[in-house]
Amino acid sequence: MTTESGTKLERAPRVGMVLEVKYRNAGQFLVSYCTNLSRGGLFVSTRQPEPVGTELVLSLRVPGRAVPVVLRARVRWSRAEDNDEGPAGMGLSFADVDAVLGDHIDTLVTNAEPLSIDLIGRSDHASAHLHALLRSLVTCQTRQLALRPGVAQTIGQVDLVVVDVDGDPPNAVDLIVDLRQRPEPPPILALCDARDPDLRARVGRYASVVPTPVDKRELQLKVLETLGQVQFIRTSIPDC
């Protein structure tokens, strides 16, 4: 770059990466806040995680807030590929989020709409129990869908999809892969037979897995963890 007099100027060096995180709605943000953000952590689902130790600027686009919440963050761990431990992504740590958000959390709690959750493949007593468990954890609306060809087309931009893999493993895996390959995939929780480690490993590449028979406490933790996952991100390197 040059001035009008022809003097050459050097461009200022680029500074750290900015990671912009967008939440689907207030309900999803509140789950993320209660399970991760308030404790100074966040899991970001991404196919291109940064190396451990990377320092970056975290920009949180919080529902109902015009100005993003900007925090300094560090990558504490990363997972390069989907595997049986969970989807590809990275874990971030940061501080001072409570001081920045303040009373905005109370406003969100008052005005948040119920989360939308689709349950696929269960229509028995266990399904009714699962509906009740979900409603005891979060304010939500649940919908029961049969696991059949074409069911993926009936699933829109929901906050969580729970798939019973045990009832029809081939179709369940196809559905999970289909959902995972969307540009903006919904969080997916799969109920999978604990006696079939190979199936659990396959499913774990695309979804969070809860082994069956289900342990209530583990299911509760996985539901909250999966609901709070951040899916939509954009990275940039700003100029000084």
C-alpha atoms as a PDB file:
ATOM      1  CA  MET A   1       0.000   0.000   0.000  1.00  0.00           C
ATOM      2  CA  THR A   2       1.278   3.543  -0.823  1.00  0.00           C
ATOM      3  CA  THR A   3       0.380   7.136   0.097  1.00  0.00           C
ATOM      4  CA  GLU A   4      -0.506   9.819  -2.436  1.00  0.00           C
ATOM      5  CA  SER A   5       3.163  10.929  -2.417  1.00  0.00           C
ATOM      6  CA  GLY A   6       4.277   7.443  -3.341  1.00  0.00           C
ATOM      7  CA  THR A   7       5.664   6.516   0.058  1.00  0.00           C
ATOM      8  CA  LYS A   8       5.266   2.803   0.680  1.00  0.00           C
ATOM      9  CA  LEU A   9       3.477   1.827   3.877  1.00  0.00           C
ATOM     10  CA  GLU A  10       3.547  -1.580   5.511  1.00  0.00           C
ATOM     11  CA  ARG A  11       0.256  -3.193   6.464  1.00  0.00           C
ATOM     12  CA  ALA A  12      -0.101  -3.757  10.180  1.00  0.00           C
ATOM     13  CA  PRO A  13       0.327  -7.412  11.163  1.00  0.00           C
ATOM     14  CA  ARG A  14      -2.746  -9.602  11.491  1.00  0.00           C
ATOM     15  CA  VAL A  15      -3.876 -10.311  15.012  1.00  0.00           C
ATOM     16  CA  GLY A  16      -5.456 -13.362  16.602  1.00  0.00           C
ATOM     17  CA  MET A  17      -8.321 -15.367  15.169  1.00  0.00           C
ATOM     18  CA  VAL A  18     -11.908 -14.305  15.832  1.00  0.00           C
ATOM     19  CA  LEU A  19     -14.398 -17.129  16.304  1.00  0.00           C
ATOM     20  CA  GLU A  20     -18.024 -16.043  15.901  1.00  0.00           C
ATOM     21  CA  VAL A  21     -20.586 -18.287  17.567  1.00  0.00           C
ATOM     22  CA  LYS A  22     -24.290 -18.021  16.797  1.00  0.00           C
ATOM     23  CA  TYR A  23     -27.003 -19.634  18.920  1.00  0.00           C
ATOM     24  CA  ARG A  24     -30.190 -20.946  17.342  1.00  0.00           C
ATOM     25  CA  ASN A  25     -32.439 -19.307  19.924  1.00  0.00           C
ATOM     26  CA  ALA A  26     -32.630 -18.116  23.524  1.00  0.00           C
ATOM     27  CA  GLY A  27     -33.511 -21.562  24.871  1.00  0.00           C
ATOM     28  CA  GLN A  28     -30.435 -23.178  23.364  1.00  0.00           C
ATOM     29  CA  PHE A  29     -28.242 -20.360  24.648  1.00  0.00           C
ATOM     30  CA  LEU A  30     -29.612 -20.778  28.180  1.00  0.00           C
ATOM     31  CA  VAL A  31     -28.829 -24.505  28.151  1.00  0.00           C
ATOM     32  CA  SER A  32     -25.318 -23.750  26.923  1.00  0.00           C
ATOM     33  CA  TYR A  33     -24.937 -21.048  29.560  1.00  0.00           C
ATOM     34  CA  CYS A  34     -26.029 -23.284  32.428  1.00  0.00           C
ATOM     35  CA  THR A  35     -23.932 -26.292  31.372  1.00  0.00           C
ATOM     36  CA  ASN A  36     -20.790 -24.634  29.993  1.00  0.00           C
ATOM     37  CA  LEU A  37     -20.580 -20.863  29.590  1.00  0.00           C
ATOM     38  CA  SER A  38     -21.137 -19.943  33.225  1.00  0.00           C
ATOM     39  CA  ARG A  39     -18.256 -22.278  34.108  1.00  0.00           C
ATOM     40  CA  GLY A  40     -15.899 -20.665  31.615  1.00  0.00           C
ATOM     41  CA  GLY A  41     -16.004 -23.299  28.895  1.00  0.00           C
ATOM     42  CA  LEU A  42     -17.564 -24.039  25.506  1.00  0.00           C
ATOM     43  CA  PHE A  43     -17.456 -26.903  23.006  1.00  0.00           C
ATOM     44  CA  VAL A  44     -17.540 -25.744  19.394  1.00  0.00           C
ATOM     45  CA  SER A  45     -18.463 -28.328  16.758  1.00  0.00           C
ATOM     46  CA  THR A  46     -16.262 -27.750  13.700  1.00  0.00           C
ATOM     47  CA  ARG A  47     -14.529 -29.827  11.029  1.00  0.00           C
ATOM     48  CA  GLN A  48     -11.446 -27.623  11.327  1.00  0.00           C
ATOM     49  CA  PRO A  49     -10.530 -27.340  15.023  1.00  0.00           C
ATOM     50  CA  GLU A  50      -7.550 -25.206  15.997  1.00  0.00           C
ATOM     51  CA  PRO A  51      -4.477 -26.700  17.731  1.00  0.00           C
ATOM     52  CA  VAL A  52      -4.425 -26.937  21.518  1.00  0.00           C
ATOM     53  CA  GLY A  53      -3.051 -23.737  23.018  1.00  0.00           C
ATOM     54  CA  THR A  54      -4.339 -21.463  20.248  1.00  0.00           C
ATOM     55  CA  GLU A  55      -5.481 -18.096  21.596  1.00  0.00           C
ATOM     56  CA  LEU A  56      -8.436 -16.444  19.925  1.00  0.00           C
ATOM     57  CA  VAL A  57     -11.205 -13.908  20.343  1.00  0.00           C
ATOM     58  CA  LEU A  58     -14.609 -15.481  21.004  1.00  0.00           C
ATOM     59  CA  SER A  59     -17.570 -13.463  19.757  1.00  0.00           C
ATOM     60  CA  LEU A  60     -20.884 -14.765  21.140  1.00  0.00           C
ATOM     61  CA  ARG A  61     -24.007 -13.649  19.298  1.00  0.00           C
ATOM     62  CA  VAL A  62     -26.488 -13.911  22.138  1.00  0.00           C
ATOM     63  CA  PRO A  63     -30.232 -13.889  21.275  1.00  0.00           C
ATOM     64  CA  GLY A  64     -31.885 -10.575  22.120  1.00  0.00           C
ATOM     65  CA  ARG A  65     -28.599  -8.715  22.409  1.00  0.00           C
ATOM     66  CA  ALA A  66     -27.577  -6.350  19.596  1.00  0.00           C
ATOM     67  CA  VAL A  67     -23.871  -6.259  20.484  1.00  0.00           C
ATOM     68  CA  PRO A  68     -21.903  -9.545  20.574  1.00  0.00           C
ATOM     69  CA  VAL A  69     -20.227 -10.659  23.789  1.00  0.00           C
ATOM     70  CA  VAL A  70     -16.473 -10.581  23.112  1.00  0.00           C
ATOM     71  CA  LEU A  71     -14.114 -12.722  25.216  1.00  0.00           C
ATOM     72  CA  ARG A  72     -10.493 -13.850  25.075  1.00  0.00           C
ATOM     73  CA  ALA A  73     -10.360 -17.648  24.818  1.00  0.00           C
ATOM     74  CA  ARG A  74      -7.869 -20.498  24.526  1.00  0.00           C
ATOM     75  CA  VAL A  75      -8.222 -23.941  22.917  1.00  0.00           C
ATOM     76  CA  ARG A  76      -7.882 -26.506  25.714  1.00  0.00           C
ATOM     77  CA  TRP A  77      -8.499 -29.648  23.669  1.00  0.00           C
ATOM     78  CA  SER A  78      -9.473 -30.605  20.139  1.00  0.00           C
ATOM     79  CA  ARG A  79     -10.906 -33.576  18.233  1.00  0.00           C
ATOM     80  CA  ALA A  80      -9.880 -33.570  14.571  1.00  0.00           C
ATOM     81  CA  GLU A  81     -12.487 -36.077  13.339  1.00  0.00           C
ATOM     82  CA  ASP A  82     -15.822 -37.533  14.387  1.00  0.00           C
ATOM     83  CA  ASN A  83     -15.254 -40.650  16.482  1.00  0.00           C
ATOM     84  CA  ASP A  84     -16.935 -42.738  19.168  1.00  0.00           C
ATOM     85  CA  GLU A  85     -16.155 -40.016  21.738  1.00  0.00           C
ATOM     86  CA  GLY A  86     -18.154 -37.404  19.826  1.00  0.00           C
ATOM     87  CA  PRO A  87     -18.163 -35.045  16.853  1.00  0.00           C
ATOM     88  CA  ALA A  88     -15.130 -33.136  15.597  1.00  0.00           C
ATOM     89  CA  GLY A  89     -14.551 -29.853  17.391  1.00  0.00           C
ATOM     90  CA  MET A  90     -12.638 -28.088  20.126  1.00  0.00           C
ATOM     91  CA  GLY A  91     -13.054 -27.136  23.761  1.00  0.00           C
ATOM     92  CA  LEU A  92     -12.484 -23.494  24.686  1.00  0.00           C
ATOM     93  CA  SER A  93     -11.850 -21.839  28.044  1.00  0.00           C
ATOM     94  CA  PHE A  94     -12.393 -18.192  28.956  1.00  0.00           C
ATOM     95  CA  ALA A  95     -13.363 -15.924  31.858  1.00  0.00           C
ATOM     96  CA  ASP A  96     -15.658 -13.038  32.862  1.00  0.00           C
ATOM     97  CA  VAL A  97     -18.766 -14.019  30.868  1.00  0.00           C
ATOM     98  CA  ASP A  98     -21.039 -13.333  33.868  1.00  0.00           C
ATOM     99  CA  ALA A  99     -19.696  -9.810  34.246  1.00  0.00           C
ATOM    100  CA  VAL A 100     -20.441  -9.086  30.589  1.00  0.00           C
ATOM    101  CA  LEU A 101     -23.946 -10.555  30.375  1.00  0.00           C
ATOM    102  CA  GLY A 102     -25.326  -9.417  33.718  1.00  0.00           C
ATOM    103  CA  ASP A 103     -29.102  -8.939  33.770  1.00  0.00           C
ATOM    104  CA  HIS A 104     -29.531 -10.112  30.182  1.00  0.00           C
ATOM    105  CA  ILE A 105     -29.695 -13.721  31.400  1.00  0.00           C
ATOM    106  CA  ASP A 106     -32.748 -12.922  33.549  1.00  0.00           C
ATOM    107  CA  THR A 107     -34.476 -11.369  30.539  1.00  0.00           C
ATOM    108  CA  LEU A 108     -33.797 -14.452  28.417  1.00  0.00           C
ATOM    109  CA  VAL A 109     -35.141 -16.784  31.099  1.00  0.00           C
ATOM    110  CA  THR A 110     -38.383 -14.797  31.203  1.00  0.00           C
ATOM    111  CA  ASN A 111     -38.903 -14.599  27.437  1.00  0.00           C
ATOM    112  CA  ALA A 112     -37.395 -17.819  26.050  1.00  0.00           C
ATOM    113  CA  GLU A 113     -39.610 -20.002  23.846  1.00  0.00           C
ATOM    114  CA  PRO A 114     -39.767 -23.774  24.509  1.00  0.00           C
ATOM    115  CA  LEU A 115     -37.100 -25.858  22.794  1.00  0.00           C
ATOM    116  CA  SER A 116     -38.268 -28.187  20.016  1.00  0.00           C
ATOM    117  CA  ILE A 117     -37.238 -31.856  20.268  1.00  0.00           C
ATOM    118  CA  ASP A 118     -38.012 -34.700  17.841  1.00  0.00           C
ATOM    119  CA  LEU A 119     -38.010 -38.310  19.104  1.00  0.00           C
ATOM    120  CA  ILE A 120     -37.517 -40.841  16.319  1.00  0.00           C
ATOM    121  CA  GLY A 121     -38.333 -44.533  16.516  1.00  0.00           C
ATOM    122  CA  ARG A 122     -39.940 -45.022  19.931  1.00  0.00           C
ATOM    123  CA  SER A 123     -43.687 -45.311  20.438  1.00  0.00           C
ATOM    124  CA  ASP A 124     -43.958 -47.467  23.556  1.00  0.00           C
ATOM    125  CA  HIS A 125     -43.843 -46.939  27.311  1.00  0.00           C
ATOM    126  CA  ALA A 126     -40.141 -46.097  27.092  1.00  0.00           C
ATOM    127  CA  SER A 127     -40.992 -43.269  24.716  1.00  0.00           C
ATOM    128  CA  ALA A 128     -43.514 -41.766  27.137  1.00  0.00           C
ATOM    129  CA  HIS A 129     -40.907 -41.966  29.888  1.00  0.00           C
ATOM    130  CA  LEU A 130     -38.377 -40.215  27.644  1.00  0.00           C
ATOM    131  CA  HIS A 131     -40.844 -37.426  26.831  1.00  0.00           C
ATOM    132  CA  ALA A 132     -41.428 -36.873  30.550  1.00  0.00           C
ATOM    133  CA  LEU A 133     -37.706 -36.895  31.309  1.00  0.00           C
ATOM    134  CA  LEU A 134     -36.974 -34.289  28.636  1.00  0.00           C
ATOM    135  CA  ARG A 135     -39.729 -31.997  29.908  1.00  0.00           C
ATOM    136  CA  SER A 136     -38.358 -32.299  33.443  1.00  0.00           C
ATOM    137  CA  LEU A 137     -34.930 -31.126  32.238  1.00  0.00           C
ATOM    138  CA  VAL A 138     -35.828 -28.225  29.961  1.00  0.00           C
ATOM    139  CA  THR A 139     -38.866 -26.271  28.802  1.00  0.00           C
ATOM    140  CA  CYS A 140     -39.600 -28.023  25.520  1.00  0.00           C
ATOM    141  CA  GLN A 141     -42.128 -29.280  23.006  1.00  0.00           C
ATOM    142  CA  THR A 142     -41.596 -32.887  21.915  1.00  0.00           C
ATOM    143  CA  ARG A 143     -42.767 -34.635  18.769  1.00  0.00           C
ATOM    144  CA  GLN A 144     -42.871 -38.392  18.107  1.00  0.00           C
ATOM    145  CA  LEU A 145     -41.931 -39.627  14.622  1.00  0.00           C
ATOM    146  CA  ALA A 146     -41.734 -43.178  13.287  1.00  0.00           C
ATOM    147  CA  LEU A 147     -38.404 -44.373  11.923  1.00  0.00           C
ATOM    148  CA  ARG A 148     -39.361 -44.916   8.289  1.00  0.00           C
ATOM    149  CA  PRO A 149     -38.026 -43.988   4.843  1.00  0.00           C
ATOM    150  CA  GLY A 150     -38.350 -40.267   4.194  1.00  0.00           C
ATOM    151  CA  VAL A 151     -38.608 -39.251   7.843  1.00  0.00           C
ATOM    152  CA  ALA A 152     -35.575 -36.973   7.441  1.00  0.00           C
ATOM    153  CA  GLN A 153     -37.643 -34.694   5.185  1.00  0.00           C
ATOM    154  CA  THR A 154     -40.087 -34.064   8.042  1.00  0.00           C
ATOM    155  CA  ILE A 155     -37.345 -32.881  10.417  1.00  0.00           C
ATOM    156  CA  GLY A 156     -36.735 -29.151  10.210  1.00  0.00           C
ATOM    157  CA  GLN A 157     -34.564 -26.825  12.281  1.00  0.00           C
ATOM    158  CA  VAL A 158     -35.226 -28.420  15.655  1.00  0.00           C
ATOM    159  CA  ASP A 159     -33.119 -28.019  18.791  1.00  0.00           C
ATOM    160  CA  LEU A 160     -32.524 -31.743  19.331  1.00  0.00           C
ATOM    161  CA  VAL A 161     -33.178 -35.034  17.540  1.00  0.00           C
ATOM    162  CA  VAL A 162     -33.255 -38.205  19.666  1.00  0.00           C
ATOM    163  CA  VAL A 163     -32.973 -41.407  17.608  1.00  0.00           C
ATOM    164  CA  ASP A 164     -33.669 -44.919  18.928  1.00  0.00           C
ATOM    165  CA  VAL A 165     -31.064 -46.888  16.986  1.00  0.00           C
ATOM    166  CA  ASP A 166     -31.919 -50.263  18.540  1.00  0.00           C
ATOM    167  CA  GLY A 167     -35.296 -50.624  16.820  1.00  0.00           C
ATOM    168  CA  ASP A 168     -33.927 -50.469  13.253  1.00  0.00           C
ATOM    169  CA  PRO A 169     -30.136 -49.936  13.164  1.00  0.00           C
ATOM    170  CA  PRO A 170     -29.644 -49.656   9.360  1.00  0.00           C
ATOM    171  CA  ASN A 171     -32.357 -47.029   8.868  1.00  0.00           C
ATOM    172  CA  ALA A 172     -31.393 -45.241  12.081  1.00  0.00           C
ATOM    173  CA  VAL A 173     -27.760 -44.914  10.977  1.00  0.00           C
ATOM    174  CA  ASP A 174     -28.841 -43.686   7.528  1.00  0.00           C
ATOM    175  CA  LEU A 175     -31.053 -41.044   9.150  1.00  0.00           C
ATOM    176  CA  ILE A 176     -28.307 -39.867  11.498  1.00  0.00           C
ATOM    177  CA  VAL A 177     -25.782 -39.592   8.653  1.00  0.00           C
ATOM    178  CA  ASP A 178     -28.332 -37.699   6.539  1.00  0.00           C
ATOM    179  CA  LEU A 179     -28.992 -35.204   9.335  1.00  0.00           C
ATOM    180  CA  ARG A 180     -25.309 -34.805  10.154  1.00  0.00           C
ATOM    181  CA  GLN A 181     -24.478 -33.907   6.543  1.00  0.00           C
ATOM    182  CA  ARG A 182     -26.830 -30.925   6.468  1.00  0.00           C
ATOM    183  CA  PRO A 183     -25.205 -27.479   6.200  1.00  0.00           C
ATOM    184  CA  GLU A 184     -26.636 -26.669   9.639  1.00  0.00           C
ATOM    185  CA  PRO A 185     -27.185 -30.071  11.292  1.00  0.00           C
ATOM    186  CA  PRO A 186     -29.355 -30.337  14.386  1.00  0.00           C
ATOM    187  CA  PRO A 187     -27.805 -31.742  17.569  1.00  0.00           C
ATOM    188  CA  ILE A 188     -28.362 -35.523  17.539  1.00  0.00           C
ATOM    189  CA  LEU A 189     -28.592 -37.916  20.481  1.00  0.00           C
ATOM    190  CA  ALA A 190     -28.621 -41.642  19.685  1.00  0.00           C
ATOM    191  CA  LEU A 191     -29.840 -44.429  21.986  1.00  0.00           C
ATOM    192  CA  CYS A 192     -27.677 -47.434  21.145  1.00  0.00           C
ATOM    193  CA  ASP A 193     -27.307 -50.987  22.530  1.00  0.00           C
ATOM    194  CA  ALA A 194     -24.441 -51.188  25.025  1.00  0.00           C
ATOM    195  CA  ARG A 195     -23.808 -54.799  23.915  1.00  0.00           C
ATOM    196  CA  ASP A 196     -22.904 -53.747  20.362  1.00  0.00           C
ATOM    197  CA  PRO A 197     -19.650 -51.735  20.550  1.00  0.00           C
ATOM    198  CA  ASP A 198     -19.185 -51.721  16.774  1.00  0.00           C
ATOM    199  CA  LEU A 199     -22.592 -50.131  16.217  1.00  0.00           C
ATOM    200  CA  ARG A 200     -21.958 -47.608  18.981  1.00  0.00           C
ATOM    201  CA  ALA A 201     -18.638 -46.677  17.380  1.00  0.00           C
ATOM    202  CA  ARG A 202     -20.288 -46.157  13.971  1.00  0.00           C
ATOM    203  CA  VAL A 203     -23.068 -44.031  15.397  1.00  0.00           C
ATOM    204  CA  GLY A 204     -20.652 -42.105  17.623  1.00  0.00           C
ATOM    205  CA  ARG A 205     -18.998 -40.605  14.546  1.00  0.00           C
ATOM    206  CA  TYR A 206     -22.151 -38.618  13.832  1.00  0.00           C
ATOM    207  CA  ALA A 207     -24.035 -38.249  17.121  1.00  0.00           C
ATOM    208  CA  SER A 208     -23.762 -38.206  20.894  1.00  0.00           C
ATOM    209  CA  VAL A 209     -24.452 -41.742  22.121  1.00  0.00           C
ATOM    210  CA  VAL A 210     -26.270 -42.982  25.213  1.00  0.00           C
ATOM    211  CA  PRO A 211     -25.996 -46.764  25.724  1.00  0.00           C
ATOM    212  CA  THR A 212     -29.145 -48.785  26.353  1.00  0.00           C
ATOM    213  CA  PRO A 213     -30.510 -49.863  28.753  1.00  0.00           C
ATOM    214  CA  VAL A 214     -30.454 -46.187  29.621  1.00  0.00           C
ATOM    215  CA  ASP A 215     -28.994 -44.882  32.852  1.00  0.00           C
ATOM    216  CA  LYS A 216     -31.195 -41.932  33.812  1.00  0.00           C
ATOM    217  CA  ARG A 217     -28.359 -39.772  35.125  1.00  0.00           C
ATOM    218  CA  GLU A 218     -26.195 -40.352  32.049  1.00  0.00           C
ATOM    219  CA  LEU A 219     -29.127 -39.576  29.774  1.00  0.00           C
ATOM    220  CA  GLN A 220     -29.805 -36.310  31.610  1.00  0.00           C
ATOM    221  CA  LEU A 221     -26.181 -35.208  31.250  1.00  0.00           C
ATOM    222  CA  LYS A 222     -26.028 -36.156  27.566  1.00  0.00           C
ATOM    223  CA  VAL A 223     -29.283 -34.362  26.759  1.00  0.00           C
ATOM    224  CA  LEU A 224     -28.040 -31.110  28.300  1.00  0.00           C
ATOM    225  CA  GLU A 225     -24.590 -31.483  26.747  1.00  0.00           C
ATOM    226  CA  THR A 226     -26.022 -32.158  23.286  1.00  0.00           C
ATOM    227  CA  LEU A 227     -28.625 -29.386  23.475  1.00  0.00           C
ATOM    228  CA  GLY A 228     -25.898 -26.894  24.319  1.00  0.00           C
ATOM    229  CA  GLN A 229     -23.639 -27.799  21.404  1.00  0.00           C
ATOM    230  CA  VAL A 230     -22.762 -24.856  19.180  1.00  0.00           C
ATOM    231  CA  GLN A 231     -23.095 -25.771  15.510  1.00  0.00           C
ATOM    232  CA  PHE A 232     -22.897 -22.545  13.537  1.00  0.00           C
ATOM    233  CA  ILE A 233     -19.525 -20.857  13.502  1.00  0.00           C
ATOM    234  CA  ARG A 234     -17.457 -18.531  11.330  1.00  0.00           C
ATOM    235  CA  THR A 235     -13.801 -17.692  11.712  1.00  0.00           C
ATOM    236  CA  SER A 236     -11.900 -14.687  10.445  1.00  0.00           C
ATOM    237  CA  ILE A 237      -8.552 -12.975  10.843  1.00  0.00           C
ATOM    238  CA  PRO A 238      -9.193  -9.244  11.311  1.00  0.00           C
ATOM    239  CA  ASP A 239      -6.752  -6.567  10.165  1.00  0.00           C
ATOM    240  CA  CYS A 240      -5.384  -4.098  12.677  1.00  0.00           C
END
